[in-house]
Amino acid sequence: MNTTYRLEFAYKMSKILQSNEIDRGLIWFSDEANFWRDGYPYFEAFNKEHVKGHCFMHDGARSYRTDEVFEIISAYFHKRVIEQDYCKYYDDGIDWQPYSPDWNQWDYLLWVYIKDKPLCNQSGSLTDLKSAIEVKFRRYL
């Protein structure tokens, strides 16, 4: 692990966020969490309008850094991607250095606790799940 590159990444991101080049409120953070519905991994379909102007900070796990994953991310977020190795494939975005600080403020705090708690009744509706997550977050914020 190269501490010089990690430090440069931290300074670069700090400068970008302080200058409001990227709005923190418009960054989508990923992690290893899975969302499940009725026993199956679930990802709600959305269109490209939902992510307009947003950035995506993708988890650095090697299994997520594949051509197929990069193609999907690029289709939605284009140059607004913060990810390790993304720049090698698309010559844009921000290269997230290995072992750099995780900018996802929820990752190891609140979400780790909440995602392991039962969140809703057995109805399995998306509305119930969303409401249960919101209630849990309000409770712990």
N, C-alpha and C. Protein backbone atom coordinates (compact mmCIF):
# COMPACT_ATOMS: atom_id res chain seq x y z
N MET A 1 0.84 -1.18 0.00
CA MET A 1 0.00 0.00 0.00
C MET A 1 0.88 1.24 0.00
N ASN A 2 0.56 2.17 -0.85
CA ASN A 2 1.37 3.36 -1.04
C ASN A 2 0.73 4.53 -0.30
N THR A 3 1.35 4.91 0.81
CA THR A 3 0.78 5.98 1.64
C THR A 3 0.80 7.33 0.94
N THR A 4 1.76 7.55 0.06
CA THR A 4 1.82 8.84 -0.66
C THR A 4 0.57 9.01 -1.52
N TYR A 5 0.21 7.97 -2.29
CA TYR A 5 -0.98 8.05 -3.14
C TYR A 5 -2.25 8.17 -2.31
N ARG A 6 -2.30 7.46 -1.20
CA ARG A 6 -3.48 7.54 -0.33
C ARG A 6 -3.64 8.95 0.22
N LEU A 7 -2.53 9.56 0.63
CA LEU A 7 -2.57 10.92 1.16
C LEU A 7 -2.98 11.91 0.07
N GLU A 8 -2.43 11.73 -1.14
CA GLU A 8 -2.81 12.59 -2.26
C GLU A 8 -4.31 12.47 -2.56
N PHE A 9 -4.82 11.24 -2.51
CA PHE A 9 -6.25 11.03 -2.73
C PHE A 9 -7.07 11.76 -1.67
N ALA A 10 -6.67 11.65 -0.42
CA ALA A 10 -7.40 12.31 0.67
C ALA A 10 -7.40 13.83 0.48
N TYR A 11 -6.26 14.40 0.13
CA TYR A 11 -6.18 15.85 -0.11
C TYR A 11 -7.04 16.25 -1.32
N LYS A 12 -6.96 15.46 -2.38
CA LYS A 12 -7.73 15.76 -3.59
C LYS A 12 -9.23 15.75 -3.29
N MET A 13 -9.69 14.71 -2.59
CA MET A 13 -11.11 14.62 -2.27
C MET A 13 -11.53 15.75 -1.33
N SER A 14 -10.68 16.07 -0.39
CA SER A 14 -10.98 17.16 0.54
C SER A 14 -11.16 18.47 -0.22
N LYS A 15 -10.26 18.73 -1.14
CA LYS A 15 -10.32 19.96 -1.95
C LYS A 15 -11.59 19.98 -2.82
N ILE A 16 -11.89 18.85 -3.45
CA ILE A 16 -13.08 18.75 -4.30
C ILE A 16 -14.35 19.00 -3.48
N LEU A 17 -14.43 18.42 -2.30
CA LEU A 17 -15.62 18.57 -1.47
C LEU A 17 -15.73 19.99 -0.90
N GLN A 18 -14.60 20.57 -0.49
CA GLN A 18 -14.63 21.93 0.06
C GLN A 18 -14.99 22.96 -1.01
N SER A 19 -14.58 22.72 -2.25
CA SER A 19 -14.89 23.66 -3.33
C SER A 19 -16.29 23.45 -3.90
N ASN A 20 -16.99 22.45 -3.37
CA ASN A 20 -18.33 22.08 -3.84
C ASN A 20 -18.36 21.64 -5.30
N GLU A 21 -17.20 21.19 -5.80
CA GLU A 21 -17.16 20.60 -7.14
C GLU A 21 -18.06 19.36 -7.17
N ILE A 22 -18.06 18.65 -6.05
CA ILE A 22 -18.97 17.52 -5.85
C ILE A 22 -19.78 17.83 -4.60
N ASP A 23 -21.09 17.74 -4.71
CA ASP A 23 -21.96 17.96 -3.57
C ASP A 23 -22.04 16.66 -2.77
N ARG A 24 -21.61 16.70 -1.51
CA ARG A 24 -21.64 15.49 -0.67
C ARG A 24 -22.99 14.83 -0.62
N GLY A 25 -24.02 15.62 -0.67
CA GLY A 25 -25.37 15.07 -0.61
C GLY A 25 -25.78 14.33 -1.87
N LEU A 26 -24.97 14.44 -2.92
CA LEU A 26 -25.29 13.78 -4.18
C LEU A 26 -24.32 12.64 -4.50
N ILE A 27 -23.67 12.10 -3.47
CA ILE A 27 -22.78 10.95 -3.67
C ILE A 27 -23.50 9.69 -3.24
N TRP A 28 -23.51 8.70 -4.09
CA TRP A 28 -24.04 7.38 -3.76
C TRP A 28 -22.86 6.55 -3.30
N PHE A 29 -22.94 6.01 -2.11
CA PHE A 29 -21.88 5.17 -1.57
C PHE A 29 -22.30 3.71 -1.66
N SER A 30 -21.37 2.85 -2.02
CA SER A 30 -21.67 1.42 -2.01
C SER A 30 -20.88 0.76 -0.90
N ASP A 31 -21.31 -0.40 -0.50
CA ASP A 31 -20.49 -1.25 0.37
C ASP A 31 -20.90 -2.69 0.11
N GLU A 32 -20.49 -3.58 0.96
CA GLU A 32 -20.74 -5.00 0.72
C GLU A 32 -22.16 -5.41 1.08
N ALA A 33 -22.97 -4.49 1.57
CA ALA A 33 -24.33 -4.83 2.01
C ALA A 33 -25.18 -5.29 0.84
N ASN A 34 -26.04 -6.22 1.10
CA ASN A 34 -27.02 -6.67 0.13
C ASN A 34 -28.41 -6.31 0.62
N PHE A 35 -29.27 -5.97 -0.30
CA PHE A 35 -30.66 -5.75 0.04
C PHE A 35 -31.42 -6.98 -0.43
N TRP A 36 -32.24 -7.52 0.44
CA TRP A 36 -32.97 -8.74 0.12
C TRP A 36 -34.46 -8.46 0.18
N ARG A 37 -35.19 -9.11 -0.71
CA ARG A 37 -36.65 -9.03 -0.68
C ARG A 37 -37.19 -10.40 -1.06
N ASP A 38 -38.01 -10.95 -0.22
CA ASP A 38 -38.58 -12.27 -0.45
C ASP A 38 -37.51 -13.33 -0.68
N GLY A 39 -36.37 -13.21 -0.01
CA GLY A 39 -35.32 -14.21 -0.11
C GLY A 39 -34.40 -14.05 -1.30
N TYR A 40 -34.57 -13.00 -2.09
CA TYR A 40 -33.74 -12.79 -3.27
C TYR A 40 -33.05 -11.43 -3.19
N PRO A 41 -31.81 -11.33 -3.72
CA PRO A 41 -31.18 -10.01 -3.77
C PRO A 41 -32.08 -9.08 -4.58
N TYR A 42 -32.19 -7.84 -4.14
CA TYR A 42 -33.15 -6.92 -4.74
C TYR A 42 -32.48 -5.59 -5.07
N PHE A 43 -32.72 -5.11 -6.25
CA PHE A 43 -32.26 -3.78 -6.64
C PHE A 43 -33.40 -3.13 -7.40
N GLU A 44 -33.93 -2.07 -6.83
CA GLU A 44 -35.07 -1.41 -7.46
C GLU A 44 -34.63 -0.78 -8.78
N ALA A 45 -35.38 -1.04 -9.82
CA ALA A 45 -35.06 -0.47 -11.13
C ALA A 45 -35.23 1.04 -11.09
N PHE A 46 -34.31 1.74 -11.71
CA PHE A 46 -34.43 3.19 -11.81
C PHE A 46 -33.89 3.61 -13.16
N ASN A 47 -34.25 4.81 -13.59
CA ASN A 47 -33.75 5.26 -14.87
C ASN A 47 -32.63 6.28 -14.67
N LYS A 48 -32.01 6.66 -15.75
CA LYS A 48 -30.84 7.53 -15.68
C LYS A 48 -31.16 8.92 -15.14
N GLU A 49 -32.41 9.31 -15.21
CA GLU A 49 -32.81 10.61 -14.67
C GLU A 49 -32.63 10.66 -13.15
N HIS A 50 -32.76 9.52 -12.49
CA HIS A 50 -32.62 9.47 -11.03
C HIS A 50 -31.21 9.80 -10.57
N VAL A 51 -30.21 9.61 -11.42
CA VAL A 51 -28.82 9.81 -10.99
C VAL A 51 -28.18 11.04 -11.62
N LYS A 52 -28.95 11.81 -12.36
CA LYS A 52 -28.41 13.01 -13.01
C LYS A 52 -27.77 13.94 -11.99
N GLY A 53 -26.50 14.28 -12.20
CA GLY A 53 -25.78 15.17 -11.30
C GLY A 53 -25.20 14.49 -10.07
N HIS A 54 -25.51 13.22 -9.88
CA HIS A 54 -25.00 12.48 -8.72
C HIS A 54 -23.66 11.83 -9.05
N CYS A 55 -22.87 11.57 -8.01
CA CYS A 55 -21.60 10.84 -8.15
C CYS A 55 -21.76 9.48 -7.49
N PHE A 56 -20.90 8.56 -7.88
CA PHE A 56 -20.97 7.21 -7.32
C PHE A 56 -19.60 6.83 -6.78
N MET A 57 -19.55 6.51 -5.49
CA MET A 57 -18.30 6.04 -4.88
C MET A 57 -18.47 4.54 -4.66
N HIS A 58 -17.77 3.78 -5.46
CA HIS A 58 -17.94 2.33 -5.50
C HIS A 58 -16.96 1.64 -4.57
N ASP A 59 -17.44 0.62 -3.90
CA ASP A 59 -16.60 -0.16 -3.01
C ASP A 59 -15.39 -0.70 -3.76
N GLY A 60 -14.27 -0.75 -3.09
CA GLY A 60 -13.03 -1.17 -3.73
C GLY A 60 -12.80 -2.66 -3.79
N ALA A 61 -13.76 -3.48 -3.37
CA ALA A 61 -13.55 -4.92 -3.38
C ALA A 61 -13.24 -5.41 -4.79
N ARG A 62 -12.23 -6.24 -4.92
CA ARG A 62 -11.78 -6.71 -6.23
C ARG A 62 -12.91 -7.37 -7.04
N SER A 63 -13.77 -8.10 -6.38
CA SER A 63 -14.84 -8.79 -7.10
C SER A 63 -15.82 -7.82 -7.76
N TYR A 64 -15.84 -6.56 -7.32
CA TYR A 64 -16.74 -5.57 -7.90
C TYR A 64 -16.09 -4.79 -9.03
N ARG A 65 -14.81 -4.96 -9.23
CA ARG A 65 -14.09 -4.19 -10.25
C ARG A 65 -13.92 -5.03 -11.51
N THR A 66 -15.01 -5.26 -12.21
CA THR A 66 -14.99 -6.06 -13.43
C THR A 66 -15.47 -5.20 -14.59
N ASP A 67 -15.18 -5.65 -15.81
CA ASP A 67 -15.63 -4.92 -17.00
C ASP A 67 -17.14 -4.71 -16.97
N GLU A 68 -17.87 -5.76 -16.61
CA GLU A 68 -19.34 -5.69 -16.62
C GLU A 68 -19.85 -4.65 -15.62
N VAL A 69 -19.28 -4.65 -14.42
CA VAL A 69 -19.70 -3.70 -13.38
C VAL A 69 -19.35 -2.28 -13.82
N PHE A 70 -18.13 -2.08 -14.33
CA PHE A 70 -17.72 -0.75 -14.78
C PHE A 70 -18.62 -0.25 -15.91
N GLU A 71 -19.03 -1.13 -16.82
CA GLU A 71 -19.92 -0.73 -17.92
C GLU A 71 -21.25 -0.20 -17.39
N ILE A 72 -21.82 -0.90 -16.42
CA ILE A 72 -23.10 -0.48 -15.85
C ILE A 72 -22.95 0.86 -15.13
N ILE A 73 -21.91 0.98 -14.31
CA ILE A 73 -21.68 2.23 -13.58
C ILE A 73 -21.47 3.38 -14.55
N SER A 74 -20.66 3.14 -15.59
CA SER A 74 -20.39 4.19 -16.57
C SER A 74 -21.65 4.61 -17.31
N ALA A 75 -22.52 3.66 -17.60
CA ALA A 75 -23.77 3.98 -18.31
C ALA A 75 -24.62 4.97 -17.53
N TYR A 76 -24.57 4.88 -16.21
CA TYR A 76 -25.40 5.75 -15.38
C TYR A 76 -24.67 7.00 -14.89
N PHE A 77 -23.40 6.87 -14.51
CA PHE A 77 -22.71 7.97 -13.83
C PHE A 77 -21.61 8.62 -14.67
N HIS A 78 -21.21 8.02 -15.78
CA HIS A 78 -20.20 8.57 -16.69
C HIS A 78 -18.92 8.95 -15.94
N LYS A 79 -18.56 10.22 -15.95
CA LYS A 79 -17.32 10.69 -15.32
C LYS A 79 -17.46 10.89 -13.82
N ARG A 80 -18.64 10.76 -13.30
CA ARG A 80 -18.89 11.06 -11.88
C ARG A 80 -18.74 9.80 -11.03
N VAL A 81 -17.59 9.14 -11.16
CA VAL A 81 -17.33 7.89 -10.45
C VAL A 81 -16.04 8.02 -9.65
N ILE A 82 -16.10 7.60 -8.39
CA ILE A 82 -14.92 7.55 -7.52
C ILE A 82 -14.70 6.06 -7.25
N GLU A 83 -13.65 5.50 -7.84
CA GLU A 83 -13.45 4.06 -7.73
C GLU A 83 -12.03 3.67 -8.10
N GLN A 84 -11.53 2.67 -7.43
CA GLN A 84 -10.22 2.13 -7.74
C GLN A 84 -10.25 1.49 -9.13
N ASP A 85 -9.28 1.83 -9.96
CA ASP A 85 -9.09 1.27 -11.30
C ASP A 85 -10.09 1.76 -12.35
N TYR A 86 -11.11 2.51 -11.99
CA TYR A 86 -12.09 2.98 -12.98
C TYR A 86 -11.41 3.81 -14.06
N CYS A 87 -10.45 4.65 -13.67
CA CYS A 87 -9.75 5.53 -14.62
C CYS A 87 -8.99 4.73 -15.67
N LYS A 88 -8.54 3.54 -15.31
CA LYS A 88 -7.80 2.70 -16.27
C LYS A 88 -8.71 2.22 -17.40
N TYR A 89 -9.98 2.05 -17.10
CA TYR A 89 -10.92 1.55 -18.10
C TYR A 89 -11.55 2.68 -18.90
N TYR A 90 -11.84 3.79 -18.25
CA TYR A 90 -12.61 4.85 -18.90
C TYR A 90 -11.89 6.18 -19.00
N ASP A 91 -10.70 6.28 -18.49
CA ASP A 91 -9.89 7.49 -18.59
C ASP A 91 -10.62 8.72 -18.06
N ASP A 92 -11.45 8.52 -17.06
CA ASP A 92 -12.09 9.63 -16.36
C ASP A 92 -12.50 9.16 -14.98
N GLY A 93 -13.19 10.00 -14.25
CA GLY A 93 -13.54 9.66 -12.87
C GLY A 93 -12.39 10.00 -11.93
N ILE A 94 -12.52 9.61 -10.69
CA ILE A 94 -11.49 9.85 -9.67
C ILE A 94 -11.02 8.50 -9.17
N ASP A 95 -9.71 8.27 -9.21
CA ASP A 95 -9.15 6.99 -8.81
C ASP A 95 -9.05 6.90 -7.29
N TRP A 96 -9.83 6.01 -6.70
CA TRP A 96 -9.83 5.78 -5.25
C TRP A 96 -8.69 4.83 -4.95
N GLN A 97 -7.70 5.30 -4.25
CA GLN A 97 -6.52 4.49 -3.95
C GLN A 97 -6.81 3.39 -2.94
N PRO A 98 -6.20 2.21 -3.12
CA PRO A 98 -6.40 1.12 -2.15
C PRO A 98 -6.05 1.57 -0.74
N TYR A 99 -6.83 1.14 0.22
CA TYR A 99 -6.63 1.43 1.64
C TYR A 99 -6.80 2.91 1.98
N SER A 100 -7.39 3.68 1.07
CA SER A 100 -7.67 5.08 1.36
C SER A 100 -8.84 5.16 2.32
N PRO A 101 -8.99 6.31 2.96
CA PRO A 101 -10.13 6.46 3.88
C PRO A 101 -11.44 6.23 3.14
N ASP A 102 -12.35 5.58 3.80
CA ASP A 102 -13.67 5.37 3.24
C ASP A 102 -14.47 6.64 3.50
N TRP A 103 -14.93 7.30 2.46
CA TRP A 103 -15.64 8.57 2.61
C TRP A 103 -17.10 8.35 2.95
N ASN A 104 -17.51 7.10 3.02
CA ASN A 104 -18.89 6.81 3.38
C ASN A 104 -19.05 6.94 4.88
N GLN A 105 -19.64 8.02 5.31
CA GLN A 105 -19.75 8.32 6.74
C GLN A 105 -20.62 7.33 7.50
N TRP A 106 -21.47 6.58 6.82
CA TRP A 106 -22.35 5.64 7.50
C TRP A 106 -21.77 4.23 7.58
N ASP A 107 -20.78 3.96 6.79
CA ASP A 107 -20.34 2.59 6.55
C ASP A 107 -20.08 1.77 7.81
N TYR A 108 -19.27 2.28 8.69
CA TYR A 108 -18.89 1.47 9.85
C TYR A 108 -19.55 1.95 11.13
N LEU A 109 -20.50 2.81 11.01
CA LEU A 109 -21.17 3.32 12.19
C LEU A 109 -22.61 2.82 12.23
N LEU A 110 -23.48 3.63 11.75
CA LEU A 110 -24.90 3.35 11.87
C LEU A 110 -25.38 2.18 11.02
N TRP A 111 -25.00 2.15 9.76
CA TRP A 111 -25.53 1.14 8.85
C TRP A 111 -25.14 -0.27 9.28
N VAL A 112 -23.92 -0.46 9.75
CA VAL A 112 -23.48 -1.79 10.19
C VAL A 112 -24.42 -2.31 11.27
N TYR A 113 -24.85 -1.43 12.15
CA TYR A 113 -25.75 -1.83 13.22
C TYR A 113 -27.17 -2.09 12.69
N ILE A 114 -27.68 -1.16 11.90
CA ILE A 114 -29.07 -1.22 11.45
C ILE A 114 -29.31 -2.36 10.46
N LYS A 115 -28.39 -2.61 9.55
CA LYS A 115 -28.68 -3.59 8.50
C LYS A 115 -28.83 -5.01 9.03
N ASP A 116 -28.33 -5.28 10.23
CA ASP A 116 -28.45 -6.62 10.80
C ASP A 116 -29.67 -6.79 11.68
N LYS A 117 -30.46 -5.75 11.84
CA LYS A 117 -31.67 -5.81 12.66
C LYS A 117 -32.88 -6.15 11.78
N PRO A 118 -33.84 -6.88 12.33
CA PRO A 118 -35.07 -7.11 11.56
C PRO A 118 -35.72 -5.76 11.25
N LEU A 119 -36.08 -5.54 10.00
CA LEU A 119 -36.56 -4.23 9.61
C LEU A 119 -38.06 -4.14 9.35
N CYS A 120 -38.70 -5.22 9.01
CA CYS A 120 -40.13 -5.07 8.74
C CYS A 120 -40.85 -6.39 8.96
N ASN A 121 -42.16 -6.29 8.90
CA ASN A 121 -42.97 -7.50 9.08
C ASN A 121 -42.81 -8.42 7.87
N GLN A 122 -43.53 -9.48 7.86
CA GLN A 122 -43.38 -10.48 6.81
C GLN A 122 -44.11 -10.14 5.51
N SER A 123 -44.74 -8.96 5.43
CA SER A 123 -45.48 -8.64 4.21
C SER A 123 -44.55 -8.54 3.01
N GLY A 124 -43.32 -8.11 3.25
CA GLY A 124 -42.35 -8.05 2.18
C GLY A 124 -42.52 -6.91 1.21
N SER A 125 -43.41 -5.97 1.51
CA SER A 125 -43.61 -4.87 0.57
C SER A 125 -42.44 -3.89 0.66
N LEU A 126 -42.12 -3.30 -0.46
CA LEU A 126 -41.03 -2.33 -0.51
C LEU A 126 -41.36 -1.11 0.35
N THR A 127 -42.61 -0.71 0.37
CA THR A 127 -43.03 0.44 1.18
C THR A 127 -42.79 0.17 2.66
N ASP A 128 -43.13 -1.04 3.13
CA ASP A 128 -42.90 -1.40 4.53
C ASP A 128 -41.41 -1.40 4.86
N LEU A 129 -40.60 -1.94 3.96
CA LEU A 129 -39.15 -1.98 4.18
C LEU A 129 -38.59 -0.57 4.27
N LYS A 130 -38.98 0.29 3.34
CA LYS A 130 -38.49 1.67 3.34
C LYS A 130 -38.89 2.39 4.63
N SER A 131 -40.12 2.23 5.04
CA SER A 131 -40.59 2.87 6.28
C SER A 131 -39.83 2.36 7.49
N ALA A 132 -39.58 1.05 7.54
CA ALA A 132 -38.85 0.46 8.67
C ALA A 132 -37.42 0.98 8.74
N ILE A 133 -36.76 1.12 7.59
CA ILE A 133 -35.40 1.66 7.56
C ILE A 133 -35.40 3.10 8.04
N GLU A 134 -36.35 3.91 7.57
CA GLU A 134 -36.43 5.31 7.99
C GLU A 134 -36.65 5.42 9.50
N VAL A 135 -37.52 4.58 10.05
CA VAL A 135 -37.78 4.60 11.50
C VAL A 135 -36.51 4.26 12.26
N LYS A 136 -35.79 3.23 11.82
CA LYS A 136 -34.54 2.84 12.50
C LYS A 136 -33.52 3.97 12.44
N PHE A 137 -33.36 4.59 11.28
CA PHE A 137 -32.38 5.68 11.16
C PHE A 137 -32.74 6.84 12.08
N ARG A 138 -34.02 7.22 12.09
CA ARG A 138 -34.43 8.32 12.98
C ARG A 138 -34.17 7.99 14.43
N ARG A 139 -34.36 6.74 14.77
CA ARG A 139 -34.17 6.30 16.16
C ARG A 139 -32.71 6.44 16.61
N TYR A 140 -31.78 6.18 15.70
CA TYR A 140 -30.37 6.18 16.08
C TYR A 140 -29.61 7.44 15.69
N LEU A 141 -30.24 8.36 15.00
CA LEU A 141 -29.56 9.61 14.61
C LEU A 141 -29.60 10.62 15.72
